[in-house]
N, C-alpha and C. Protein backbone atom coordinates (compact mmCIF):
# COMPACT_ATOMS: atom_id res chain seq x y z
N MET A 1 83.70 167.56 106.80
CA MET A 1 84.18 166.51 106.49
C MET A 1 84.91 165.72 107.51
N MET A 2 85.42 164.78 106.97
CA MET A 2 85.85 163.73 108.02
C MET A 2 87.20 163.99 108.70
N ASP A 3 87.61 163.70 110.04
CA ASP A 3 89.17 164.20 110.40
C ASP A 3 89.89 163.22 109.87
N PRO A 4 91.19 163.69 109.28
CA PRO A 4 91.99 162.63 108.48
C PRO A 4 92.78 161.24 109.21
N GLN A 5 92.73 161.87 110.63
CA GLN A 5 93.31 160.88 111.58
C GLN A 5 92.13 159.68 111.82
N ALA A 6 90.96 159.93 111.76
CA ALA A 6 89.47 159.07 111.84
C ALA A 6 89.99 158.18 110.53
N LEU A 7 89.98 158.70 109.73
CA LEU A 7 89.67 158.23 108.04
C LEU A 7 90.95 157.34 108.22
N LEU A 8 92.04 157.64 108.44
CA LEU A 8 93.14 156.43 108.63
C LEU A 8 93.00 155.51 109.56
N CYS A 9 92.41 155.38 110.61
CA CYS A 9 92.04 154.52 111.42
C CYS A 9 91.07 153.67 110.88
N PHE A 10 90.30 154.18 110.03
CA PHE A 10 89.12 153.49 109.81
C PHE A 10 89.67 152.85 108.57
N THR A 11 90.75 153.02 108.13
CA THR A 11 91.28 152.32 106.65
C THR A 11 92.20 151.27 107.41
N PHE A 12 92.72 151.28 108.38
CA PHE A 12 93.77 150.09 108.92
C PHE A 12 92.43 149.30 109.54
N ILE A 13 91.28 149.38 110.00
CA ILE A 13 90.39 148.51 110.89
C ILE A 13 90.06 147.92 109.20
N CYS A 14 89.52 148.66 108.16
CA CYS A 14 89.26 147.54 107.06
C CYS A 14 90.39 147.00 106.80
N ILE A 15 91.89 147.20 106.76
CA ILE A 15 92.97 146.14 106.59
C ILE A 15 92.72 145.07 107.20
N ALA A 16 92.48 145.47 108.61
CA ALA A 16 92.75 144.49 109.51
C ALA A 16 91.48 143.11 109.30
N PHE A 17 90.50 144.09 109.31
CA PHE A 17 89.15 142.75 109.14
C PHE A 17 89.03 142.04 107.75
N ALA A 18 90.04 142.67 106.66
CA ALA A 18 89.99 141.85 105.25
C ALA A 18 91.26 140.92 105.36
N GLY A 19 92.25 141.63 106.33
CA GLY A 19 93.49 139.93 106.57
C GLY A 19 92.82 138.82 107.26
N ALA A 20 92.33 139.42 108.27
CA ALA A 20 91.80 138.30 109.31
C ALA A 20 90.55 137.19 108.79
N GLY A 21 89.44 138.25 108.02
CA GLY A 21 88.46 137.22 107.16
C GLY A 21 88.99 136.45 106.29
N ALA A 22 90.32 136.83 105.42
CA ALA A 22 90.36 135.83 104.24
C ALA A 22 91.60 135.19 104.53
N GLN A 23 91.66 134.96 105.55
CA GLN A 23 92.86 133.84 106.05
C GLN A 23 92.58 132.31 105.58
N SER A 24 93.28 131.66 105.33
CA SER A 24 93.00 130.34 105.30
C SER A 24 93.08 129.66 106.47
N PRO A 25 91.90 128.54 106.78
CA PRO A 25 91.86 128.08 108.12
C PRO A 25 92.90 127.39 108.67
N SER A 26 93.49 127.26 109.97
CA SER A 26 94.69 126.49 110.50
C SER A 26 94.74 124.78 109.96
N THR A 27 93.65 124.55 109.59
CA THR A 27 93.43 123.31 109.29
C THR A 27 92.86 123.49 107.97
N PRO A 28 93.52 122.28 106.80
CA PRO A 28 92.66 122.57 105.65
C PRO A 28 91.44 121.78 105.97
N PRO A 29 90.21 122.13 105.19
CA PRO A 29 89.29 121.08 105.28
C PRO A 29 89.35 119.78 104.29
N THR A 30 88.86 118.99 104.72
CA THR A 30 89.01 117.69 104.34
C THR A 30 87.86 117.01 103.48
N ALA A 31 88.05 116.39 102.33
CA ALA A 31 86.55 116.09 101.81
C ALA A 31 86.90 114.66 102.57
N THR A 32 85.02 114.04 102.81
CA THR A 32 84.92 112.85 103.07
C THR A 32 84.84 111.80 102.13
N PRO A 33 85.43 111.06 102.16
CA PRO A 33 85.63 110.16 101.32
C PRO A 33 84.34 109.60 101.28
N PRO A 34 83.29 109.05 99.78
CA PRO A 34 82.23 108.55 100.29
C PRO A 34 81.98 106.96 100.57
N PRO A 35 81.44 106.75 101.79
CA PRO A 35 81.03 105.52 102.12
C PRO A 35 81.59 104.47 101.08
N VAL A 36 81.88 103.43 101.57
CA VAL A 36 82.51 102.35 100.72
C VAL A 36 81.24 101.19 101.07
N SER A 37 80.68 101.25 100.10
CA SER A 37 79.51 100.05 100.24
C SER A 37 80.11 98.06 100.52
N ALA A 38 79.56 97.58 101.22
CA ALA A 38 80.44 96.32 101.22
C ALA A 38 79.89 95.52 100.27
N PRO A 39 80.54 94.97 99.47
CA PRO A 39 79.78 93.78 98.14
C PRO A 39 78.97 92.87 99.13
N PRO A 40 77.91 92.36 98.31
CA PRO A 40 76.90 91.25 98.95
C PRO A 40 77.96 90.31 99.19
N PRO A 41 77.05 89.40 100.19
CA PRO A 41 77.96 88.20 100.67
C PRO A 41 77.74 87.39 99.53
N VAL A 42 78.76 86.49 99.10
CA VAL A 42 78.61 85.50 97.98
C VAL A 42 78.19 84.05 98.66
N SER A 43 77.41 83.42 98.11
CA SER A 43 77.00 82.19 98.90
C SER A 43 78.08 81.13 98.36
N ALA A 44 78.52 80.42 98.79
CA ALA A 44 79.63 79.32 98.64
C ALA A 44 78.65 78.00 97.90
N PRO A 45 79.42 77.83 96.84
CA PRO A 45 79.10 76.80 95.65
C PRO A 45 78.72 75.57 96.63
N PRO A 46 77.65 74.92 95.74
CA PRO A 46 77.65 73.67 96.44
C PRO A 46 78.55 72.50 96.29
N PRO A 47 79.06 71.70 97.22
CA PRO A 47 80.14 71.19 97.31
C PRO A 47 79.91 70.17 96.07
N VAL A 48 81.40 69.61 95.12
CA VAL A 48 81.17 68.64 93.93
C VAL A 48 81.58 67.31 94.64
N SER A 49 80.77 66.65 93.84
CA SER A 49 80.82 65.31 94.36
C SER A 49 81.89 64.70 93.70
N ALA A 50 83.10 64.07 94.41
CA ALA A 50 83.89 63.35 93.72
C ALA A 50 83.27 62.28 93.08
N PRO A 51 84.34 62.18 91.92
CA PRO A 51 84.19 60.75 91.16
C PRO A 51 84.57 59.83 91.78
N PRO A 52 83.75 58.70 91.10
CA PRO A 52 83.88 57.33 91.88
C PRO A 52 85.52 56.59 91.44
N PRO A 53 85.97 55.75 92.44
CA PRO A 53 87.98 55.88 92.39
C PRO A 53 87.64 54.56 91.00
N VAL A 54 88.44 54.90 90.15
CA VAL A 54 88.95 54.09 89.22
C VAL A 54 89.90 52.92 89.82
N SER A 55 89.26 51.48 89.48
CA SER A 55 89.92 50.35 89.76
C SER A 55 91.50 50.55 88.98
N ALA A 56 92.58 50.05 89.87
CA ALA A 56 93.94 50.00 89.46
C ALA A 56 94.07 48.86 88.70
N PRO A 57 95.00 49.16 87.88
CA PRO A 57 95.19 47.86 86.79
C PRO A 57 95.93 47.09 87.07
N PRO A 58 95.82 45.97 86.75
CA PRO A 58 96.57 44.82 87.60
C PRO A 58 98.29 45.03 87.13
N PRO A 59 98.98 44.85 88.27
CA PRO A 59 100.37 45.32 88.03
C PRO A 59 101.13 44.26 86.97
N ALA A 60 102.26 45.35 86.37
CA ALA A 60 102.81 44.53 84.91
C ALA A 60 103.96 43.44 85.57
N THR A 61 103.92 42.81 84.74
CA THR A 61 105.09 41.65 85.07
C THR A 61 106.06 42.46 84.96
N PRO A 62 107.17 41.88 85.71
CA PRO A 62 108.47 42.73 85.50
C PRO A 62 109.39 42.31 84.53
N PRO A 63 110.32 42.86 83.40
CA PRO A 63 110.92 42.30 82.65
C PRO A 63 111.71 41.44 82.90
N PRO A 64 112.02 39.98 82.34
CA PRO A 64 112.87 39.15 82.46
C PRO A 64 114.61 39.86 82.76
N VAL A 65 115.07 38.89 83.49
CA VAL A 65 116.37 39.26 84.19
C VAL A 65 117.40 39.17 82.90
N SER A 66 118.08 39.86 82.43
CA SER A 66 119.29 39.22 81.48
C SER A 66 120.44 39.35 82.28
N SER A 67 121.77 38.42 81.63
CA SER A 67 122.60 38.54 82.26
C SER A 67 123.89 39.68 81.59
N PRO A 68 124.40 40.39 82.36
CA PRO A 68 125.33 41.64 81.72
C PRO A 68 126.00 41.26 80.78
N PRO A 69 126.43 42.23 80.13
CA PRO A 69 126.97 41.96 78.87
C PRO A 69 128.72 41.62 79.13
N PRO A 70 129.05 40.99 78.08
CA PRO A 70 130.91 40.54 78.76
C PRO A 70 131.63 41.90 78.50
N THR A 71 132.80 41.99 79.19
CA THR A 71 133.62 43.08 79.10
C THR A 71 134.54 43.07 78.25
N SER A 72 134.83 43.90 77.56
CA SER A 72 135.93 43.84 76.56
C SER A 72 136.95 44.71 77.04
N PRO A 73 137.93 44.40 76.47
CA PRO A 73 140.03 45.04 76.80
C PRO A 73 139.55 46.15 76.31
N PRO A 74 139.71 47.56 77.11
CA PRO A 74 140.12 48.86 76.29
C PRO A 74 140.87 49.01 75.44
N PRO A 75 140.32 50.00 74.53
CA PRO A 75 140.96 49.94 73.43
C PRO A 75 142.90 50.83 73.46
N ALA A 76 143.55 50.40 72.76
CA ALA A 76 144.93 50.75 73.31
C ALA A 76 144.98 52.13 72.79
N SER A 77 145.68 53.06 73.06
CA SER A 77 145.98 54.44 73.51
C SER A 77 146.92 54.57 72.06
N PRO A 78 146.66 55.70 71.16
CA PRO A 78 147.12 55.93 69.92
C PRO A 78 148.65 56.52 70.74
N PRO A 79 149.47 56.57 69.37
CA PRO A 79 150.96 57.00 69.98
C PRO A 79 150.82 58.79 69.65
N PRO A 80 151.50 59.47 70.63
CA PRO A 80 151.30 60.84 70.54
C PRO A 80 151.70 61.39 69.29
N ALA A 81 151.46 62.34 69.03
CA ALA A 81 151.78 63.28 67.31
C ALA A 81 152.91 63.93 67.52
N THR A 82 153.50 63.87 66.46
CA THR A 82 154.66 64.56 66.79
C THR A 82 154.46 66.04 65.97
N PRO A 83 155.08 67.25 66.68
CA PRO A 83 154.56 68.44 65.90
C PRO A 83 155.21 68.57 64.33
N PRO A 84 154.76 69.24 63.28
CA PRO A 84 155.52 69.57 62.58
C PRO A 84 156.64 70.04 62.42
N PRO A 85 157.96 70.05 61.95
CA PRO A 85 159.14 70.86 61.76
C PRO A 85 158.90 72.63 61.71
N ALA A 86 159.61 73.37 62.20
CA ALA A 86 159.34 74.79 62.23
C ALA A 86 159.93 75.40 61.37
N PRO A 87 159.82 76.21 60.43
CA PRO A 87 160.22 76.85 59.41
C PRO A 87 161.59 77.76 59.74
N LEU A 88 162.53 77.30 58.96
CA LEU A 88 164.12 77.91 59.41
C LEU A 88 164.15 79.32 59.63
N ALA A 89 163.86 80.10 58.20
CA ALA A 89 163.52 81.53 58.21
C ALA A 89 162.56 82.07 57.81
N SER A 90 161.67 83.24 58.54
CA SER A 90 160.38 83.64 57.84
C SER A 90 161.09 84.38 56.49
N PRO A 91 159.69 84.54 55.53
CA PRO A 91 160.07 85.11 54.20
C PRO A 91 160.02 86.88 54.51
N PRO A 92 160.88 87.69 53.48
CA PRO A 92 160.80 89.11 54.09
C PRO A 92 159.63 89.63 53.74
N ALA A 93 159.69 90.47 54.42
CA ALA A 93 158.17 91.54 54.34
C ALA A 93 158.48 92.47 53.15
N ALA A 94 157.31 92.31 52.58
CA ALA A 94 156.81 93.39 51.55
C ALA A 94 156.67 94.85 51.74
N VAL A 95 156.15 94.91 52.68
CA VAL A 95 156.22 96.68 53.57
C VAL A 95 156.98 96.72 54.77
N PRO A 96 157.58 97.61 55.03
CA PRO A 96 157.81 97.62 56.48
C PRO A 96 157.04 98.07 57.57
N ALA A 97 157.47 97.48 58.52
CA ALA A 97 156.39 97.75 59.71
C ALA A 97 156.29 99.29 60.12
N PRO A 98 154.98 99.83 60.42
CA PRO A 98 155.24 101.26 60.56
C PRO A 98 155.88 101.83 62.25
N ALA A 99 156.77 102.94 62.18
CA ALA A 99 157.02 103.15 63.15
C ALA A 99 155.91 103.42 64.45
N PRO A 100 156.43 103.26 65.43
CA PRO A 100 155.45 103.68 66.50
C PRO A 100 155.47 105.51 67.07
N SER A 101 154.39 105.62 66.62
CA SER A 101 153.85 106.96 66.66
C SER A 101 153.90 107.61 68.49
N LYS A 102 154.08 108.69 68.56
CA LYS A 102 153.75 109.46 70.02
C LYS A 102 152.35 110.02 69.98
N LYS A 103 151.96 109.73 71.04
CA LYS A 103 150.65 110.39 71.47
C LYS A 103 150.86 111.50 71.79
N LYS A 104 149.77 112.53 71.03
CA LYS A 104 150.05 114.39 71.27
C LYS A 104 149.25 114.28 72.67
N SER A 105 149.69 114.89 73.86
CA SER A 105 149.02 115.47 74.74
C SER A 105 148.10 116.78 74.83
N LYS A 106 146.78 116.34 74.93
CA LYS A 106 145.79 117.09 74.25
C LYS A 106 145.46 118.12 75.80
N ALA A 107 145.67 119.39 75.60
CA ALA A 107 145.14 120.52 76.40
C ALA A 107 143.96 120.57 76.80
N ALA A 108 143.68 121.29 78.19
CA ALA A 108 142.21 120.77 78.95
C ALA A 108 141.77 121.62 78.54
N SER A 109 140.39 121.41 77.85
CA SER A 109 139.31 122.38 77.47
C SER A 109 138.46 122.55 78.58
N ALA A 110 138.08 124.05 78.54
CA ALA A 110 137.31 124.42 79.57
C ALA A 110 135.60 123.46 79.38
N PRO A 111 135.21 123.10 80.67
CA PRO A 111 134.06 122.51 80.74
C PRO A 111 132.81 123.30 79.87
N SER A 112 132.10 122.03 79.37
CA SER A 112 131.17 122.67 78.62
C SER A 112 130.09 123.16 79.35
N PRO A 113 129.10 124.16 79.32
CA PRO A 113 128.09 124.56 79.84
C PRO A 113 126.87 122.97 80.26
N LEU A 114 126.33 123.13 81.39
CA LEU A 114 125.58 121.60 81.80
C LEU A 114 124.24 122.07 80.91
N SER A 115 123.29 121.38 80.26
CA SER A 115 121.91 121.24 79.48
C SER A 115 121.00 121.06 80.34
N SER A 116 121.36 120.71 81.80
CA SER A 116 120.01 120.87 82.38
C SER A 116 120.39 121.32 83.85
N PRO A 117 119.67 121.81 85.02
CA PRO A 117 120.29 122.38 85.84
C PRO A 117 120.71 121.38 86.90
N PRO A 118 121.59 121.56 88.05
CA PRO A 118 122.19 120.79 88.83
C PRO A 118 121.28 119.69 89.73
N ALA A 119 121.52 118.53 89.64
CA ALA A 119 120.54 117.68 90.67
C ALA A 119 120.57 118.35 92.22
N PRO A 120 119.77 118.19 92.87
CA PRO A 120 119.64 118.56 94.25
C PRO A 120 120.16 117.64 95.30
N SER A 121 120.98 118.34 96.31
CA SER A 121 121.17 117.61 96.85
C SER A 121 120.98 116.81 98.06
N ALA A 122 121.53 115.72 98.73
CA ALA A 122 120.71 114.74 99.24
C ALA A 122 120.22 115.36 100.60
N GLU A 123 120.45 116.49 100.91
CA GLU A 123 120.33 117.26 102.31
C GLU A 123 118.91 117.95 101.84
N ALA A 124 118.80 118.23 100.69
CA ALA A 124 117.57 118.78 100.03
C ALA A 124 116.11 118.28 100.76
N PRO A 125 115.22 119.32 101.35
CA PRO A 125 113.99 118.78 101.22
C PRO A 125 113.45 118.16 99.99
N VAL A 126 112.49 117.22 100.49
CA VAL A 126 111.75 117.11 99.51
C VAL A 126 110.08 116.96 99.46
N PRO A 127 109.30 117.10 98.61
CA PRO A 127 107.79 117.35 99.19
C PRO A 127 107.21 115.45 99.34
N THR A 128 106.27 115.96 100.19
CA THR A 128 105.67 114.48 100.64
C THR A 128 104.40 114.57 100.28
N SER A 129 104.07 113.54 100.11
CA SER A 129 102.44 113.36 99.19
C SER A 129 101.38 114.16 100.54
N SER A 130 101.50 114.43 101.63
CA SER A 130 100.73 115.05 102.12
C SER A 130 100.44 116.39 102.22
N ASP A 131 101.98 116.90 102.11
CA ASP A 131 101.94 118.69 101.97
C ASP A 131 101.19 118.93 100.32
N SER A 132 101.60 118.41 99.36
CA SER A 132 101.08 118.83 98.19
C SER A 132 99.76 118.14 97.77
N PRO A 133 99.02 118.49 97.26
CA PRO A 133 97.48 118.05 96.62
C PRO A 133 97.99 117.54 95.15
N THR A 134 97.64 116.32 94.88
CA THR A 134 97.47 115.53 93.70
C THR A 134 97.22 115.91 92.73
N PRO A 135 97.12 115.76 91.26
CA PRO A 135 96.04 116.72 90.61
C PRO A 135 94.86 115.89 90.38
N SER A 136 94.39 114.83 91.21
CA SER A 136 93.28 114.15 91.61
C SER A 136 92.48 115.11 92.69
N GLN A 137 93.23 115.58 93.43
CA GLN A 137 92.80 116.24 94.86
C GLN A 137 92.49 117.82 94.28
N ASN A 138 91.30 118.12 95.37
CA ASN A 138 90.57 119.39 95.14
C ASN A 138 91.91 120.55 96.02
N ASP A 139 92.64 121.75 95.72
CA ASP A 139 92.96 122.59 96.01
C ASP A 139 92.35 123.33 97.31
N ASN A 140 91.86 122.87 98.18
CA ASN A 140 91.35 123.82 99.37
C ASN A 140 91.93 124.59 100.39
N SER A 141 93.01 125.10 99.99
CA SER A 141 93.83 125.67 100.83
C SER A 141 93.10 127.11 100.93
N GLY A 142 92.21 127.96 100.56
CA GLY A 142 91.66 129.32 100.39
C GLY A 142 92.87 130.47 99.96
N ALA A 143 94.06 130.19 99.28
CA ALA A 143 95.03 131.31 99.13
C ALA A 143 94.49 132.41 97.87
N GLU A 144 93.69 131.91 96.84
CA GLU A 144 92.88 132.44 96.26
C GLU A 144 92.10 133.66 96.78
N GLU A 145 90.89 133.12 97.90
CA GLU A 145 89.96 133.76 98.35
C GLU A 145 90.71 134.72 99.47
N THR A 146 91.93 134.55 99.87
CA THR A 146 92.62 135.72 100.81
C THR A 146 93.12 136.90 99.81
N THR A 147 93.80 136.32 98.59
CA THR A 147 94.52 137.52 98.07
C THR A 147 93.28 138.22 97.31
N VAL A 148 91.92 137.47 96.95
CA VAL A 148 91.06 138.61 96.61
C VAL A 148 90.27 139.48 97.49
N GLY A 149 90.04 138.96 98.93
CA GLY A 149 89.64 139.37 99.49
C GLY A 149 90.28 140.89 100.34
N ARG A 150 91.44 140.52 100.41
CA ARG A 150 92.61 141.78 100.75
C ARG A 150 92.46 142.59 100.12
N MET A 151 92.71 142.52 98.57
CA MET A 151 92.50 143.48 97.85
C MET A 151 91.48 144.26 97.65
N ALA A 152 90.04 143.68 97.75
CA ALA A 152 89.03 144.51 97.50
C ALA A 152 88.86 145.08 98.90
N MET A 153 89.19 145.03 99.99
CA MET A 153 89.31 145.63 101.20
C MET A 153 89.79 146.80 101.55
N ILE A 154 91.40 146.28 100.92
CA ILE A 154 92.56 147.72 100.28
C ILE A 154 91.72 148.75 99.63
N GLY A 155 91.18 148.09 98.46
CA GLY A 155 90.58 148.94 97.69
C GLY A 155 89.08 149.78 97.89
N MET A 156 88.26 149.41 99.18
CA MET A 156 87.65 150.38 99.65
C MET A 156 87.93 150.84 100.13
N GLY A 157 88.70 150.44 101.52
CA GLY A 157 89.36 151.78 102.03
C GLY A 157 90.10 152.85 101.30
N TYR A 158 90.77 152.73 100.17
CA TYR A 158 91.08 153.58 99.70
C TYR A 158 89.93 154.72 99.07
N VAL A 159 89.06 154.11 98.38
CA VAL A 159 87.74 154.98 97.68
C VAL A 159 87.34 155.33 98.84
N PHE A 160 87.02 154.95 100.41
CA PHE A 160 86.29 156.00 101.49
C PHE A 160 87.31 157.07 101.91
N MET A 161 88.82 156.49 101.42
CA MET A 161 89.75 157.95 101.58
C MET A 161 89.57 159.04 100.92
N MET A 162 88.97 158.70 99.53
CA MET A 162 89.13 159.67 98.52
C MET A 162 88.01 160.42 98.74
N VAL A 163 86.91 159.51 99.16
CA VAL A 163 85.57 160.32 98.75
C VAL A 163 85.43 161.31 99.98
N LEU A 164 86.11 160.59 101.29
CA LEU A 164 85.91 161.39 102.45
C LEU A 164 86.85 162.36 102.57
N GLY A 165 87.68 162.36 102.26
CA GLY A 165 88.87 163.16 102.54
C GLY A 165 89.46 164.06 101.82
């Protein structure tokens, strides 16, 4: 059989290789955009010839000058209106006026629970468009490969330890 210390050393080596081999690269790979083909040059349309100038109509004769209308005297201002006389007494009311009511002070109730989580503070970090992929971009971070590779190597090391131990 194999020495337990050698088996343990072999297991740690397998785990180290699994962790290093499955790590994502320091800079994520970027997909190169397809080259943009330039549109074919558009030829300029031929110049449009201007229509021949239209001859100007003969100048119209100015209208005859008439004398200004005679001035009339301003209308007389009407005499000021006299206000109607005020009634001497108001008729008695059929129903007495209501008495002023006192407002009841309302006891402060407990605050109601919020229906949504509180808004983040102004100092909270916000995601930038360069950090998080948009739905149209592919996620090439390699996080899935890292987890699967690490679990596979740990499993293989465990199997070797059980078989040889």
